[in-house]
Structure formats: C-alpha cells, structure tokens
Amino acid sequence: MDFPFEQKDIIKGVFLREFSENVDPMELVWHQDERDRVVLVKQSRGWQIQMDNELPLDLDEGKCYYIPKMTYHRVLKGDGPLVVQITEKE
C-alpha cells in the first residue's frame, strides 16, 4: 500500500511524517488509527486537520493535537510540506 507521506521512525511509538507540497489532495482520505495519537506540528503552512463531524482546524507549528483511536479524521493540504511528529499511545 502506498501512503501520501514519507515516514522515519524515531523510537518505538514515535515517528516523523512528511507530506510533500506535491501530494495529490485526493490521497488525503478519511481514515481511522488503531491507537490514540498525539501529533506535534513541526512545519505547516495552511494545512488543516478535520475530525469527524467537525470543521477543519489549522495545524499550527509547535502545537499538539490529540486524535483518539478509531476516530475518523483527515488532513487538508496547505502550501509547502507538512511535517509532524506522531506519538502513539498504548
């Protein structure tokens, strides 16, 4: 399966993801994750996150976002790349 990002593992349960500025917005689909996640935004310019039944929120650099497991969500493309550090909770 191809993903719309590149990922580097930092330590167990923590990884860095980069979405290219050239990613096709059609690849940024609604999905669920199997674990709770905390997402720290390292780089973002106009990117957003949208949770199920909610309006999109700006992904602000330096801010953390909590995504409960099995909650539908997606990212919406901005300008330039999006770089996030994701920590999965057990």
PDB file of N, CA and C in Angstrom:
ATOM      1  N   MET A   1       0.846  -1.192   0.000  1.00  0.00           N
ATOM      2  CA  MET A   1       0.000   0.000   0.000  1.00  0.00           C
ATOM      3  C   MET A   1       0.887   1.250   0.000  1.00  0.00           C
ATOM      4  N   ASP A   2       0.603   2.170  -0.894  1.00  0.00           N
ATOM      5  CA  ASP A   2       1.338   3.432  -0.945  1.00  0.00           C
ATOM      6  C   ASP A   2       0.666   4.452  -0.040  1.00  0.00           C
ATOM      7  N   PHE A   3       1.486   5.217   0.659  1.00  0.00           N
ATOM      8  CA  PHE A   3       0.970   6.256   1.535  1.00  0.00           C
ATOM      9  C   PHE A   3       1.349   7.619   0.963  1.00  0.00           C
ATOM     10  N   PRO A   4       0.583   8.670   1.271  1.00  0.00           N
ATOM     11  CA  PRO A   4       0.876  10.005   0.736  1.00  0.00           C
ATOM     12  C   PRO A   4       1.923  10.765   1.552  1.00  0.00           C
ATOM     13  N   PHE A   5       2.781  10.046   2.259  1.00  0.00           N
ATOM     14  CA  PHE A   5       3.791  10.675   3.105  1.00  0.00           C
ATOM     15  C   PHE A   5       5.026   9.784   3.165  1.00  0.00           C
ATOM     16  N   GLU A   6       6.127  10.383   3.636  1.00  0.00           N
ATOM     17  CA  GLU A   6       7.320   9.616   3.972  1.00  0.00           C
ATOM     18  C   GLU A   6       7.411   9.590   5.486  1.00  0.00           C
ATOM     19  N   GLN A   7       7.868   8.460   6.027  1.00  0.00           N
ATOM     20  CA  GLN A   7       7.914   8.298   7.474  1.00  0.00           C
ATOM     21  C   GLN A   7       9.274   7.806   7.920  1.00  0.00           C
ATOM     22  N   LYS A   8       9.760   8.399   9.038  1.00  0.00           N
ATOM     23  CA  LYS A   8      11.006   7.968   9.672  1.00  0.00           C
ATOM     24  C   LYS A   8      10.697   7.645  11.123  1.00  0.00           C
ATOM     25  N   ASP A   9      11.075   6.443  11.558  1.00  0.00           N
ATOM     26  CA  ASP A   9      10.899   6.073  12.958  1.00  0.00           C
ATOM     27  C   ASP A   9      11.965   6.755  13.800  1.00  0.00           C
ATOM     28  N   ILE A  10      11.558   7.303  14.944  1.00  0.00           N
ATOM     29  CA  ILE A  10      12.490   7.946  15.871  1.00  0.00           C
ATOM     30  C   ILE A  10      12.832   6.950  16.976  1.00  0.00           C
ATOM     31  N   ILE A  11      11.821   6.545  17.728  1.00  0.00           N
ATOM     32  CA  ILE A  11      11.929   5.465  18.708  1.00  0.00           C
ATOM     33  C   ILE A  11      10.604   4.717  18.640  1.00  0.00           C
ATOM     34  N   LYS A  12      10.500   3.613  19.371  1.00  0.00           N
ATOM     35  CA  LYS A  12       9.257   2.836  19.333  1.00  0.00           C
ATOM     36  C   LYS A  12       8.057   3.710  19.688  1.00  0.00           C
ATOM     37  N   GLY A  13       7.091   3.752  18.781  1.00  0.00           N
ATOM     38  CA  GLY A  13       5.867   4.516  19.018  1.00  0.00           C
ATOM     39  C   GLY A  13       5.955   5.984  18.677  1.00  0.00           C
ATOM     40  N   VAL A  14       7.120   6.441  18.192  1.00  0.00           N
ATOM     41  CA  VAL A  14       7.286   7.855  17.813  1.00  0.00           C
ATOM     42  C   VAL A  14       7.900   7.907  16.420  1.00  0.00           C
ATOM     43  N   PHE A  15       7.257   8.647  15.531  1.00  0.00           N
ATOM     44  CA  PHE A  15       7.776   8.748  14.173  1.00  0.00           C
ATOM     45  C   PHE A  15       7.515  10.126  13.588  1.00  0.00           C
ATOM     46  N   LEU A  16       8.306  10.448  12.582  1.00  0.00           N
ATOM     47  CA  LEU A  16       8.225  11.723  11.881  1.00  0.00           C
ATOM     48  C   LEU A  16       7.612  11.461  10.512  1.00  0.00           C
ATOM     49  N   ARG A  17       6.611  12.244  10.150  1.00  0.00           N
ATOM     50  CA  ARG A  17       5.977  12.111   8.837  1.00  0.00           C
ATOM     51  C   ARG A  17       6.090  13.426   8.084  1.00  0.00           C
ATOM     52  N   GLU A  18       6.371  13.291   6.785  1.00  0.00           N
ATOM     53  CA  GLU A  18       6.400  14.471   5.925  1.00  0.00           C
ATOM     54  C   GLU A  18       5.494  14.248   4.725  1.00  0.00           C
ATOM     55  N   PHE A  19       4.562  15.172   4.571  1.00  0.00           N
ATOM     56  CA  PHE A  19       3.685  15.203   3.410  1.00  0.00           C
ATOM     57  C   PHE A  19       4.257  16.247   2.456  1.00  0.00           C
ATOM     58  N   SER A  20       4.521  15.860   1.228  1.00  0.00           N
ATOM     59  CA  SER A  20       5.113  16.744   0.231  1.00  0.00           C
ATOM     60  C   SER A  20       4.134  17.833  -0.184  1.00  0.00           C
ATOM     61  N   GLU A  21       4.695  18.959  -0.598  1.00  0.00           N
ATOM     62  CA  GLU A  21       3.853  20.017  -1.144  1.00  0.00           C
ATOM     63  C   GLU A  21       3.209  19.578  -2.460  1.00  0.00           C
ATOM     64  N   ASN A  22       3.719  18.500  -3.055  1.00  0.00           N
ATOM     65  CA  ASN A  22       3.186  17.997  -4.322  1.00  0.00           C
ATOM     66  C   ASN A  22       2.187  16.856  -4.158  1.00  0.00           C
ATOM     67  N   VAL A  23       1.816  16.523  -2.919  1.00  0.00           N
ATOM     68  CA  VAL A  23       0.868  15.428  -2.694  1.00  0.00           C
ATOM     69  C   VAL A  23      -0.470  15.764  -3.364  1.00  0.00           C
ATOM     70  N   ASP A  24      -1.084  14.750  -3.951  1.00  0.00           N
ATOM     71  CA  ASP A  24      -2.404  14.906  -4.556  1.00  0.00           C
ATOM     72  C   ASP A  24      -3.436  14.965  -3.425  1.00  0.00           C
ATOM     73  N   PRO A  25      -4.215  16.048  -3.319  1.00  0.00           N
ATOM     74  CA  PRO A  25      -5.209  16.154  -2.242  1.00  0.00           C
ATOM     75  C   PRO A  25      -6.186  14.981  -2.199  1.00  0.00           C
ATOM     76  N   MET A  26      -6.386  14.303  -3.334  1.00  0.00           N
ATOM     77  CA  MET A  26      -7.290  13.154  -3.371  1.00  0.00           C
ATOM     78  C   MET A  26      -6.725  11.966  -2.576  1.00  0.00           C
ATOM     79  N   GLU A  27      -5.418  11.974  -2.289  1.00  0.00           N
ATOM     80  CA  GLU A  27      -4.796  10.908  -1.500  1.00  0.00           C
ATOM     81  C   GLU A  27      -4.980  11.114   0.001  1.00  0.00           C
ATOM     82  N   LEU A  28      -5.413  12.294   0.394  1.00  0.00           N
ATOM     83  CA  LEU A  28      -5.569  12.624   1.815  1.00  0.00           C
ATOM     84  C   LEU A  28      -6.992  12.249   2.234  1.00  0.00           C
ATOM     85  N   VAL A  29      -7.185  10.976   2.501  1.00  0.00           N
ATOM     86  CA  VAL A  29      -8.523  10.420   2.714  1.00  0.00           C
ATOM     87  C   VAL A  29      -8.886  10.330   4.196  1.00  0.00           C
ATOM     88  N   TRP A  30     -10.182  10.252   4.441  1.00  0.00           N
ATOM     89  CA  TRP A  30     -10.676   9.980   5.789  1.00  0.00           C
ATOM     90  C   TRP A  30     -10.159   8.617   6.222  1.00  0.00           C
ATOM     91  N   HIS A  31      -9.712   8.522   7.469  1.00  0.00           N
ATOM     92  CA  HIS A  31      -9.211   7.242   7.976  1.00  0.00           C
ATOM     93  C   HIS A  31      -9.291   7.214   9.495  1.00  0.00           C
ATOM     94  N   GLN A  32      -9.060   6.025  10.047  1.00  0.00           N
ATOM     95  CA  GLN A  32      -9.014   5.818  11.499  1.00  0.00           C
ATOM     96  C   GLN A  32      -7.675   5.193  11.841  1.00  0.00           C
ATOM     97  N   ASP A  33      -7.198   5.448  13.049  1.00  0.00           N
ATOM     98  CA  ASP A  33      -5.969   4.831  13.541  1.00  0.00           C
ATOM     99  C   ASP A  33      -6.316   3.875  14.676  1.00  0.00           C
ATOM    100  N   GLU A  34      -5.501   2.843  14.834  1.00  0.00           N
ATOM    101  CA  GLU A  34      -5.768   1.824  15.847  1.00  0.00           C
ATOM    102  C   GLU A  34      -5.349   2.231  17.258  1.00  0.00           C
ATOM    103  N   ARG A  35      -4.550   3.291  17.379  1.00  0.00           N
ATOM    104  CA  ARG A  35      -4.092   3.765  18.693  1.00  0.00           C
ATOM    105  C   ARG A  35      -4.353   5.260  18.835  1.00  0.00           C
ATOM    106  N   ASP A  36      -4.489   5.715  20.081  1.00  0.00           N
ATOM    107  CA  ASP A  36      -4.531   7.146  20.355  1.00  0.00           C
ATOM    108  C   ASP A  36      -3.218   7.753  19.870  1.00  0.00           C
ATOM    109  N   ARG A  37      -3.293   8.977  19.369  1.00  0.00           N
ATOM    110  CA  ARG A  37      -2.091   9.642  18.882  1.00  0.00           C
ATOM    111  C   ARG A  37      -2.041  11.093  19.333  1.00  0.00           C
ATOM    112  N   VAL A  38      -0.816  11.552  19.588  1.00  0.00           N
ATOM    113  CA  VAL A  38      -0.562  12.967  19.810  1.00  0.00           C
ATOM    114  C   VAL A  38       0.316  13.413  18.646  1.00  0.00           C
ATOM    115  N   VAL A  39      -0.142  14.443  17.952  1.00  0.00           N
ATOM    116  CA  VAL A  39       0.548  14.935  16.767  1.00  0.00           C
ATOM    117  C   VAL A  39       1.133  16.305  17.077  1.00  0.00           C
ATOM    118  N   LEU A  40       2.468  16.415  16.996  1.00  0.00           N
ATOM    119  CA  LEU A  40       3.172  17.686  17.181  1.00  0.00           C
ATOM    120  C   LEU A  40       3.527  18.211  15.799  1.00  0.00           C
ATOM    121  N   VAL A  41       3.055  19.413  15.490  1.00  0.00           N
ATOM    122  CA  VAL A  41       3.293  20.004  14.168  1.00  0.00           C
ATOM    123  C   VAL A  41       4.655  20.696  14.160  1.00  0.00           C
ATOM    124  N   LYS A  42       5.540  20.201  13.288  1.00  0.00           N
ATOM    125  CA  LYS A  42       6.890  20.759  13.152  1.00  0.00           C
ATOM    126  C   LYS A  42       6.940  21.822  12.056  1.00  0.00           C
ATOM    127  N   GLN A  43       6.203  21.578  10.956  1.00  0.00           N
ATOM    128  CA  GLN A  43       6.189  22.520   9.838  1.00  0.00           C
ATOM    129  C   GLN A  43       4.834  22.450   9.159  1.00  0.00           C
ATOM    130  N   SER A  44       4.218  23.602   8.970  1.00  0.00           N
ATOM    131  CA  SER A  44       2.909  23.661   8.325  1.00  0.00           C
ATOM    132  C   SER A  44       2.662  25.078   7.850  1.00  0.00           C
ATOM    133  N   ARG A  45       2.098  25.169   6.665  1.00  0.00           N
ATOM    134  CA  ARG A  45       1.699  26.479   6.154  1.00  0.00           C
ATOM    135  C   ARG A  45       0.346  26.284   5.470  1.00  0.00           C
ATOM    136  N   GLY A  46      -0.705  26.502   6.242  1.00  0.00           N
ATOM    137  CA  GLY A  46      -2.048  26.404   5.701  1.00  0.00           C
ATOM    138  C   GLY A  46      -2.668  25.022   5.746  1.00  0.00           C
ATOM    139  N   TRP A  47      -1.944  24.018   6.249  1.00  0.00           N
ATOM    140  CA  TRP A  47      -2.507  22.681   6.374  1.00  0.00           C
ATOM    141  C   TRP A  47      -3.538  22.677   7.505  1.00  0.00           C
ATOM    142  N   GLN A  48      -4.506  21.762   7.392  1.00  0.00           N
ATOM    143  CA  GLN A  48      -5.555  21.655   8.399  1.00  0.00           C
ATOM    144  C   GLN A  48      -5.813  20.196   8.739  1.00  0.00           C
ATOM    145  N   ILE A  49      -6.422  19.984   9.900  1.00  0.00           N
ATOM    146  CA  ILE A  49      -6.911  18.662  10.282  1.00  0.00           C
ATOM    147  C   ILE A  49      -8.412  18.770  10.469  1.00  0.00           C
ATOM    148  N   GLN A  50      -9.130  17.735  10.037  1.00  0.00           N
ATOM    149  CA  GLN A  50     -10.570  17.700  10.211  1.00  0.00           C
ATOM    150  C   GLN A  50     -10.957  16.395  10.876  1.00  0.00           C
ATOM    151  N   MET A  51     -11.641  16.506  11.993  1.00  0.00           N
ATOM    152  CA  MET A  51     -12.146  15.347  12.718  1.00  0.00           C
ATOM    153  C   MET A  51     -13.586  15.104  12.273  1.00  0.00           C
ATOM    154  N   ASP A  52     -14.055  13.879  12.434  1.00  0.00           N
ATOM    155  CA  ASP A  52     -15.407  13.503  12.033  1.00  0.00           C
ATOM    156  C   ASP A  52     -16.435  14.446  12.643  1.00  0.00           C
ATOM    157  N   ASN A  53     -17.348  14.942  11.825  1.00  0.00           N
ATOM    158  CA  ASN A  53     -18.440  15.831  12.243  1.00  0.00           C
ATOM    159  C   ASN A  53     -17.967  17.153  12.838  1.00  0.00           C
ATOM    160  N   GLU A  54     -16.759  17.595  12.460  1.00  0.00           N
ATOM    161  CA  GLU A  54     -16.244  18.882  12.933  1.00  0.00           C
ATOM    162  C   GLU A  54     -15.704  19.681  11.753  1.00  0.00           C
ATOM    163  N   LEU A  55     -15.591  20.981  11.956  1.00  0.00           N
ATOM    164  CA  LEU A  55     -14.982  21.832  10.939  1.00  0.00           C
ATOM    165  C   LEU A  55     -13.461  21.680  10.995  1.00  0.00           C
ATOM    166  N   PRO A  56     -12.765  21.939   9.881  1.00  0.00           N
ATOM    167  CA  PRO A  56     -11.302  21.838   9.884  1.00  0.00           C
ATOM    168  C   PRO A  56     -10.661  22.846  10.835  1.00  0.00           C
ATOM    169  N   LEU A  57      -9.516  22.429  11.424  1.00  0.00           N
ATOM    170  CA  LEU A  57      -8.708  23.289  12.294  1.00  0.00           C
ATOM    171  C   LEU A  57      -7.348  23.480  11.647  1.00  0.00           C
ATOM    172  N   ASP A  58      -6.803  24.698  11.766  1.00  0.00           N
ATOM    173  CA  ASP A  58      -5.450  24.940  11.269  1.00  0.00           C
ATOM    174  C   ASP A  58      -4.455  24.113  12.059  1.00  0.00           C
ATOM    175  N   LEU A  59      -3.471  23.551  11.366  1.00  0.00           N
ATOM    176  CA  LEU A  59      -2.365  22.850  12.020  1.00  0.00           C
ATOM    177  C   LEU A  59      -1.258  23.881  12.252  1.00  0.00           C
ATOM    178  N   ASP A  60      -1.182  24.385  13.481  1.00  0.00           N
ATOM    179  CA  ASP A  60      -0.235  25.438  13.834  1.00  0.00           C
ATOM    180  C   ASP A  60       1.096  24.844  14.273  1.00  0.00           C
ATOM    181  N   GLU A  61       2.190  25.394  13.746  1.00  0.00           N
ATOM    182  CA  GLU A  61       3.528  24.922  14.108  1.00  0.00           C
ATOM    183  C   GLU A  61       3.743  25.043  15.608  1.00  0.00           C
ATOM    184  N   GLY A  62       4.305  23.986  16.208  1.00  0.00           N
ATOM    185  CA  GLY A  62       4.589  23.964  17.639  1.00  0.00           C
ATOM    186  C   GLY A  62       3.424  23.503  18.499  1.00  0.00           C
ATOM    187  N   LYS A  63       2.262  23.305  17.904  1.00  0.00           N
ATOM    188  CA  LYS A  63       1.077  22.902  18.662  1.00  0.00           C
ATOM    189  C   LYS A  63       0.867  21.390  18.556  1.00  0.00           C
ATOM    190  N   CYS A  64       0.300  20.799  19.624  1.00  0.00           N
ATOM    191  CA  CYS A  64      -0.021  19.375  19.643  1.00  0.00           C
ATOM    192  C   CYS A  64      -1.524  19.179  19.457  1.00  0.00           C
ATOM    193  N   TYR A  65      -1.862  18.101  18.779  1.00  0.00           N
ATOM    194  CA  TYR A  65      -3.252  17.733  18.523  1.00  0.00           C
ATOM    195  C   TYR A  65      -3.444  16.287  18.951  1.00  0.00           C
ATOM    196  N   TYR A  66      -4.537  16.027  19.651  1.00  0.00           N
ATOM    197  CA  TYR A  66      -4.843  14.683  20.130  1.00  0.00           C
ATOM    198  C   TYR A  66      -5.869  14.049  19.200  1.00  0.00           C
ATOM    199  N   ILE A  67      -5.586  12.821  18.747  1.00  0.00           N
ATOM    200  CA  ILE A  67      -6.513  12.076  17.894  1.00  0.00           C
ATOM    201  C   ILE A  67      -6.843  10.760  18.597  1.00  0.00           C
ATOM    202  N   PRO A  68      -8.066  10.634  19.115  1.00  0.00           N
ATOM    203  CA  PRO A  68      -8.449   9.380  19.779  1.00  0.00           C
ATOM    204  C   PRO A  68      -8.497   8.222  18.777  1.00  0.00           C
ATOM    205  N   LYS A  69      -8.144   7.028  19.251  1.00  0.00           N
ATOM    206  CA  LYS A  69      -8.173   5.856  18.377  1.00  0.00           C
ATOM    207  C   LYS A  69      -9.565   5.658  17.797  1.00  0.00           C
ATOM    208  N   MET A  70      -9.595   5.129  16.581  1.00  0.00           N
ATOM    209  CA  MET A  70     -10.811   4.786  15.852  1.00  0.00           C
ATOM    210  C   MET A  70     -11.728   5.987  15.596  1.00  0.00           C
ATOM    211  N   THR A  71     -11.158   7.195  15.570  1.00  0.00           N
ATOM    212  CA  THR A  71     -11.905   8.410  15.237  1.00  0.00           C
ATOM    213  C   THR A  71     -11.563   8.790  13.800  1.00  0.00           C
ATOM    214  N   TYR A  72     -12.576   8.930  12.955  1.00  0.00           N
ATOM    215  CA  TYR A  72     -12.323   9.332  11.577  1.00  0.00           C
ATOM    216  C   TYR A  72     -11.756  10.747  11.531  1.00  0.00           C
ATOM    217  N   HIS A  73     -10.730  10.928  10.705  1.00  0.00           N
ATOM    218  CA  HIS A  73     -10.104  12.229  10.530  1.00  0.00           C
ATOM    219  C   HIS A  73      -9.335  12.250   9.207  1.00  0.00           C
ATOM    220  N   ARG A  74      -8.932  13.448   8.795  1.00  0.00           N
ATOM    221  CA  ARG A  74      -8.124  13.611   7.584  1.00  0.00           C
ATOM    222  C   ARG A  74      -7.346  14.911   7.694  1.00  0.00           C
ATOM    223  N   VAL A  75      -6.314  15.038   6.867  1.00  0.00           N
ATOM    224  CA  VAL A  75      -5.612  16.312   6.757  1.00  0.00           C
ATOM    225  C   VAL A  75      -5.994  16.943   5.428  1.00  0.00           C
ATOM    226  N   LEU A  76      -5.988  18.272   5.423  1.00  0.00           N
ATOM    227  CA  LEU A  76      -6.308  19.049   4.235  1.00  0.00           C
ATOM    228  C   LEU A  76      -5.057  19.821   3.832  1.00  0.00           C
ATOM    229  N   LYS A  77      -4.737  19.742   2.563  1.00  0.00           N
ATOM    230  CA  LYS A  77      -3.489  20.282   2.038  1.00  0.00           C
ATOM    231  C   LYS A  77      -3.407  21.803   2.152  1.00  0.00           C
ATOM    232  N   GLY A  78      -2.188  22.236   2.506  1.00  0.00           N
ATOM    233  CA  GLY A  78      -1.880  23.656   2.529  1.00  0.00           C
ATOM    234  C   GLY A  78      -0.815  23.966   1.485  1.00  0.00           C
ATOM    235  N   ASP A  79       0.018  24.959   1.768  1.00  0.00           N
ATOM    236  CA  ASP A  79       1.117  25.345   0.882  1.00  0.00           C
ATOM    237  C   ASP A  79       2.413  24.830   1.480  1.00  0.00           C
ATOM    238  N   GLY A  80       3.241  24.221   0.669  1.00  0.00           N
ATOM    239  CA  GLY A  80       4.505  23.683   1.170  1.00  0.00           C
ATOM    240  C   GLY A  80       4.281  22.356   1.858  1.00  0.00           C
ATOM    241  N   PRO A  81       5.359  21.798   2.412  1.00  0.00           N
ATOM    242  CA  PRO A  81       5.243  20.491   3.069  1.00  0.00           C
ATOM    243  C   PRO A  81       4.615  20.595   4.461  1.00  0.00           C
ATOM    244  N   LEU A  82       4.118  19.453   4.926  1.00  0.00           N
ATOM    245  CA  LEU A  82       3.645  19.312   6.302  1.00  0.00           C
ATOM    246  C   LEU A  82       4.550  18.295   6.972  1.00  0.00           C
ATOM    247  N   VAL A  83       5.135  18.674   8.108  1.00  0.00           N
ATOM    248  CA  VAL A  83       5.982  17.765   8.873  1.00  0.00           C
ATOM    249  C   VAL A  83       5.409  17.670  10.280  1.00  0.00           C
ATOM    250  N   VAL A  84       5.134  16.440  10.701  1.00  0.00           N
ATOM    251  CA  VAL A  84       4.561  16.208  12.025  1.00  0.00           C
ATOM    252  C   VAL A  84       5.315  15.084  12.729  1.00  0.00           C
ATOM    253  N   GLN A  85       5.394  15.185  14.054  1.00  0.00           N
ATOM    254  CA  GLN A  85       5.922  14.106  14.879  1.00  0.00           C
ATOM    255  C   GLN A  85       4.724  13.453  15.558  1.00  0.00           C
ATOM    256  N   ILE A  86       4.567  12.148  15.378  1.00  0.00           N
ATOM    257  CA  ILE A  86       3.419  11.428  15.907  1.00  0.00           C
ATOM    258  C   ILE A  86       3.883  10.490  17.018  1.00  0.00           C
ATOM    259  N   THR A  87       3.210  10.573  18.157  1.00  0.00           N
ATOM    260  CA  THR A  87       3.457   9.676  19.274  1.00  0.00           C
ATOM    261  C   THR A  87       2.216   8.827  19.477  1.00  0.00           C
ATOM    262  N   GLU A  88       2.362   7.514  19.349  1.00  0.00           N
ATOM    263  CA  GLU A  88       1.243   6.605  19.566  1.00  0.00           C
ATOM    264  C   GLU A  88       1.189   6.189  21.021  1.00  0.00           C
ATOM    265  N   LYS A  89      -0.014   6.187  21.564  1.00  0.00           N
ATOM    266  CA  LYS A  89      -0.223   5.777  22.952  1.00  0.00           C
ATOM    267  C   LYS A  89      -0.651   4.324  22.980  1.00  0.00           C
ATOM    268  N   GLU A  90      -0.201   3.600  24.005  1.00  0.00           N
ATOM    269  CA  GLU A  90      -0.583   2.188  24.140  1.00  0.00           C
ATOM    270  C   GLU A  90      -1.975   2.046  24.701  1.00  0.00           C
TER     271      GLU A  90
END
